[in-house]
Amino acid sequence: MIEGSAYDSCMATDKAKLMVYLDPGYKEWLGKLAATQNRSMSNYVETLIIETVDKAVQSGELPPLESGGDRDD
């Protein structure tokens, strides 16, 4: 890594890491969908998960998170 470069902070996060095995075709489609919204695949997947969990909480399928989420809305 080059000191002082953009790479110094690109992975600095307090978010949990999630590894997923995915069929290559779905990965390609995911990349295309993410690109349509000018997002990285990681950010796009995070957004999909957040939206899905939010819907499950609103429908009563899941209880609201008491802590740990950084949602402002």
N, C-alpha and C. Protein backbone atom coordinates (compact mmCIF):
# COMPACT_ATOMS: atom_id res chain seq x y z
N MET A 1 0.84 -1.18 0.00
CA MET A 1 0.00 0.00 0.00
C MET A 1 0.88 1.24 0.00
N ILE A 2 0.49 2.24 -0.71
CA ILE A 2 1.24 3.49 -0.77
C ILE A 2 0.77 4.39 0.35
N GLU A 3 1.72 4.78 1.22
CA GLU A 3 1.34 5.63 2.35
C GLU A 3 0.82 6.97 1.86
N GLY A 4 -0.29 7.42 2.45
CA GLY A 4 -0.88 8.69 2.07
C GLY A 4 -1.79 8.60 0.86
N SER A 5 -1.97 7.40 0.32
CA SER A 5 -2.83 7.25 -0.85
C SER A 5 -4.27 7.05 -0.42
N ALA A 6 -5.15 7.01 -1.40
CA ALA A 6 -6.56 6.78 -1.14
C ALA A 6 -6.79 5.40 -0.53
N TYR A 7 -5.85 4.48 -0.75
CA TYR A 7 -6.01 3.12 -0.22
C TYR A 7 -5.85 3.05 1.29
N ASP A 8 -5.24 4.07 1.90
CA ASP A 8 -5.03 4.05 3.34
C ASP A 8 -6.34 3.95 4.11
N SER A 9 -7.39 4.58 3.63
CA SER A 9 -8.64 4.60 4.37
C SER A 9 -9.79 3.92 3.66
N CYS A 10 -9.56 3.32 2.50
CA CYS A 10 -10.68 2.75 1.74
C CYS A 10 -11.33 1.57 2.46
N MET A 11 -10.60 0.86 3.31
CA MET A 11 -11.17 -0.27 4.01
C MET A 11 -11.41 0.03 5.49
N ALA A 12 -11.18 1.26 5.90
CA ALA A 12 -11.40 1.61 7.31
C ALA A 12 -12.89 1.69 7.58
N THR A 13 -13.38 0.74 8.36
CA THR A 13 -14.80 0.70 8.67
C THR A 13 -15.02 -0.08 9.95
N ASP A 14 -16.10 0.23 10.62
CA ASP A 14 -16.46 -0.54 11.80
C ASP A 14 -17.58 -1.52 11.47
N LYS A 15 -17.87 -1.68 10.19
CA LYS A 15 -18.94 -2.59 9.76
C LYS A 15 -18.45 -4.03 9.78
N ALA A 16 -19.37 -4.95 10.01
CA ALA A 16 -19.05 -6.37 10.00
C ALA A 16 -18.79 -6.83 8.57
N LYS A 17 -17.89 -7.77 8.43
CA LYS A 17 -17.55 -8.32 7.12
C LYS A 17 -18.39 -9.57 6.88
N LEU A 18 -18.90 -9.73 5.67
CA LEU A 18 -19.72 -10.87 5.29
C LEU A 18 -19.17 -11.45 3.99
N MET A 19 -18.89 -12.73 3.98
CA MET A 19 -18.39 -13.38 2.77
C MET A 19 -19.52 -14.22 2.19
N VAL A 20 -19.71 -14.15 0.88
CA VAL A 20 -20.82 -14.83 0.23
C VAL A 20 -20.29 -15.61 -0.97
N TYR A 21 -20.78 -16.84 -1.12
CA TYR A 21 -20.51 -17.62 -2.32
C TYR A 21 -21.69 -17.42 -3.26
N LEU A 22 -21.38 -17.06 -4.50
CA LEU A 22 -22.43 -16.71 -5.45
C LEU A 22 -22.09 -17.26 -6.83
N ASP A 23 -23.09 -17.74 -7.51
CA ASP A 23 -22.91 -18.21 -8.88
C ASP A 23 -22.31 -17.07 -9.71
N PRO A 24 -21.33 -17.36 -10.57
CA PRO A 24 -20.69 -16.30 -11.37
C PRO A 24 -21.66 -15.46 -12.20
N GLY A 25 -22.71 -16.07 -12.71
CA GLY A 25 -23.69 -15.32 -13.50
C GLY A 25 -24.41 -14.28 -12.66
N TYR A 26 -24.77 -14.67 -11.44
CA TYR A 26 -25.43 -13.72 -10.54
C TYR A 26 -24.48 -12.60 -10.13
N LYS A 27 -23.21 -12.94 -9.96
CA LYS A 27 -22.22 -11.91 -9.62
C LYS A 27 -22.12 -10.89 -10.75
N GLU A 28 -22.13 -11.38 -11.97
CA GLU A 28 -22.07 -10.47 -13.13
C GLU A 28 -23.30 -9.56 -13.16
N TRP A 29 -24.48 -10.13 -12.96
CA TRP A 29 -25.71 -9.32 -12.95
C TRP A 29 -25.68 -8.32 -11.81
N LEU A 30 -25.21 -8.78 -10.66
CA LEU A 30 -25.11 -7.89 -9.50
C LEU A 30 -24.22 -6.69 -9.81
N GLY A 31 -23.09 -6.95 -10.45
CA GLY A 31 -22.19 -5.86 -10.84
C GLY A 31 -22.86 -4.88 -11.79
N LYS A 32 -23.64 -5.39 -12.72
CA LYS A 32 -24.35 -4.52 -13.67
C LYS A 32 -25.42 -3.69 -12.96
N LEU A 33 -26.16 -4.31 -12.05
CA LEU A 33 -27.17 -3.57 -11.28
C LEU A 33 -26.53 -2.49 -10.42
N ALA A 34 -25.44 -2.84 -9.76
CA ALA A 34 -24.73 -1.87 -8.92
C ALA A 34 -24.25 -0.69 -9.76
N ALA A 35 -23.73 -0.99 -10.94
CA ALA A 35 -23.22 0.07 -11.82
C ALA A 35 -24.32 1.03 -12.27
N THR A 36 -25.54 0.52 -12.43
CA THR A 36 -26.63 1.41 -12.85
C THR A 36 -26.94 2.47 -11.81
N GLN A 37 -26.56 2.20 -10.55
CA GLN A 37 -26.77 3.16 -9.46
C GLN A 37 -25.46 3.78 -8.99
N ASN A 38 -24.40 3.57 -9.78
CA ASN A 38 -23.08 4.10 -9.46
C ASN A 38 -22.63 3.67 -8.06
N ARG A 39 -22.85 2.39 -7.74
CA ARG A 39 -22.48 1.83 -6.43
C ARG A 39 -21.48 0.70 -6.63
N SER A 40 -20.71 0.42 -5.60
CA SER A 40 -19.90 -0.79 -5.60
C SER A 40 -20.85 -1.96 -5.36
N MET A 41 -20.39 -3.16 -5.69
CA MET A 41 -21.23 -4.33 -5.41
C MET A 41 -21.46 -4.47 -3.92
N SER A 42 -20.44 -4.21 -3.13
CA SER A 42 -20.57 -4.31 -1.68
C SER A 42 -21.63 -3.35 -1.16
N ASN A 43 -21.59 -2.11 -1.62
CA ASN A 43 -22.57 -1.13 -1.17
C ASN A 43 -23.97 -1.49 -1.66
N TYR A 44 -24.06 -2.01 -2.87
CA TYR A 44 -25.36 -2.40 -3.42
C TYR A 44 -25.96 -3.54 -2.60
N VAL A 45 -25.15 -4.54 -2.27
CA VAL A 45 -25.63 -5.67 -1.47
C VAL A 45 -26.03 -5.19 -0.08
N GLU A 46 -25.23 -4.31 0.51
CA GLU A 46 -25.58 -3.76 1.83
C GLU A 46 -26.94 -3.06 1.77
N THR A 47 -27.17 -2.29 0.73
CA THR A 47 -28.44 -1.58 0.56
C THR A 47 -29.60 -2.57 0.43
N LEU A 48 -29.41 -3.63 -0.35
CA LEU A 48 -30.46 -4.64 -0.50
C LEU A 48 -30.78 -5.30 0.84
N ILE A 49 -29.75 -5.62 1.61
CA ILE A 49 -29.95 -6.25 2.91
C ILE A 49 -30.68 -5.31 3.86
N ILE A 50 -30.26 -4.06 3.91
CA ILE A 50 -30.91 -3.07 4.78
C ILE A 50 -32.38 -2.92 4.41
N GLU A 51 -32.67 -2.79 3.12
CA GLU A 51 -34.06 -2.64 2.69
C GLU A 51 -34.89 -3.87 3.05
N THR A 52 -34.33 -5.07 2.89
CA THR A 52 -35.04 -6.31 3.21
C THR A 52 -35.31 -6.42 4.70
N VAL A 53 -34.30 -6.11 5.51
CA VAL A 53 -34.47 -6.18 6.96
C VAL A 53 -35.47 -5.13 7.42
N ASP A 54 -35.38 -3.91 6.88
CA ASP A 54 -36.34 -2.86 7.24
C ASP A 54 -37.78 -3.28 6.96
N LYS A 55 -37.99 -3.91 5.79
CA LYS A 55 -39.34 -4.38 5.44
C LYS A 55 -39.79 -5.47 6.40
N ALA A 56 -38.88 -6.36 6.79
CA ALA A 56 -39.23 -7.44 7.73
C ALA A 56 -39.58 -6.87 9.10
N VAL A 57 -38.88 -5.82 9.52
CA VAL A 57 -39.19 -5.17 10.80
C VAL A 57 -40.56 -4.49 10.72
N GLN A 58 -40.80 -3.77 9.62
CA GLN A 58 -42.08 -3.07 9.46
C GLN A 58 -43.26 -4.03 9.40
N SER A 59 -43.05 -5.22 8.84
CA SER A 59 -44.14 -6.19 8.73
C SER A 59 -44.31 -7.01 10.01
N GLY A 60 -43.37 -6.87 10.94
CA GLY A 60 -43.45 -7.63 12.18
C GLY A 60 -42.76 -8.98 12.11
N GLU A 61 -42.18 -9.29 10.96
CA GLU A 61 -41.47 -10.56 10.81
C GLU A 61 -40.22 -10.62 11.70
N LEU A 62 -39.58 -9.46 11.89
CA LEU A 62 -38.42 -9.33 12.78
C LEU A 62 -38.70 -8.24 13.80
N PRO A 63 -38.17 -8.38 15.01
CA PRO A 63 -38.31 -7.29 15.99
C PRO A 63 -37.33 -6.17 15.64
N PRO A 64 -37.62 -4.95 16.03
CA PRO A 64 -36.69 -3.84 15.77
C PRO A 64 -35.35 -4.09 16.48
N LEU A 65 -34.29 -3.64 15.86
CA LEU A 65 -32.96 -3.71 16.49
C LEU A 65 -32.92 -2.72 17.65
N GLU A 66 -32.46 -3.17 18.79
CA GLU A 66 -32.34 -2.27 19.93
C GLU A 66 -31.05 -1.49 19.85
N SER A 67 -30.00 -2.10 19.32
CA SER A 67 -28.72 -1.40 19.16
C SER A 67 -27.92 -2.11 18.08
N GLY A 68 -26.85 -1.48 17.68
CA GLY A 68 -25.98 -2.10 16.69
C GLY A 68 -26.20 -1.58 15.28
N GLY A 69 -27.39 -1.14 14.97
CA GLY A 69 -27.63 -0.58 13.64
C GLY A 69 -27.26 0.90 13.64
N ASP A 70 -26.80 1.38 12.51
CA ASP A 70 -26.46 2.80 12.44
C ASP A 70 -27.45 3.56 11.57
N ARG A 71 -28.67 3.07 11.54
CA ARG A 71 -29.71 3.70 10.72
C ARG A 71 -30.20 4.98 11.38
N ASP A 72 -30.28 6.05 10.61
CA ASP A 72 -30.75 7.35 11.13
C ASP A 72 -32.21 7.58 10.86
N ASP A 73 -32.82 6.75 10.01
CA ASP A 73 -34.22 7.02 9.64
C ASP A 73 -35.21 6.25 10.44
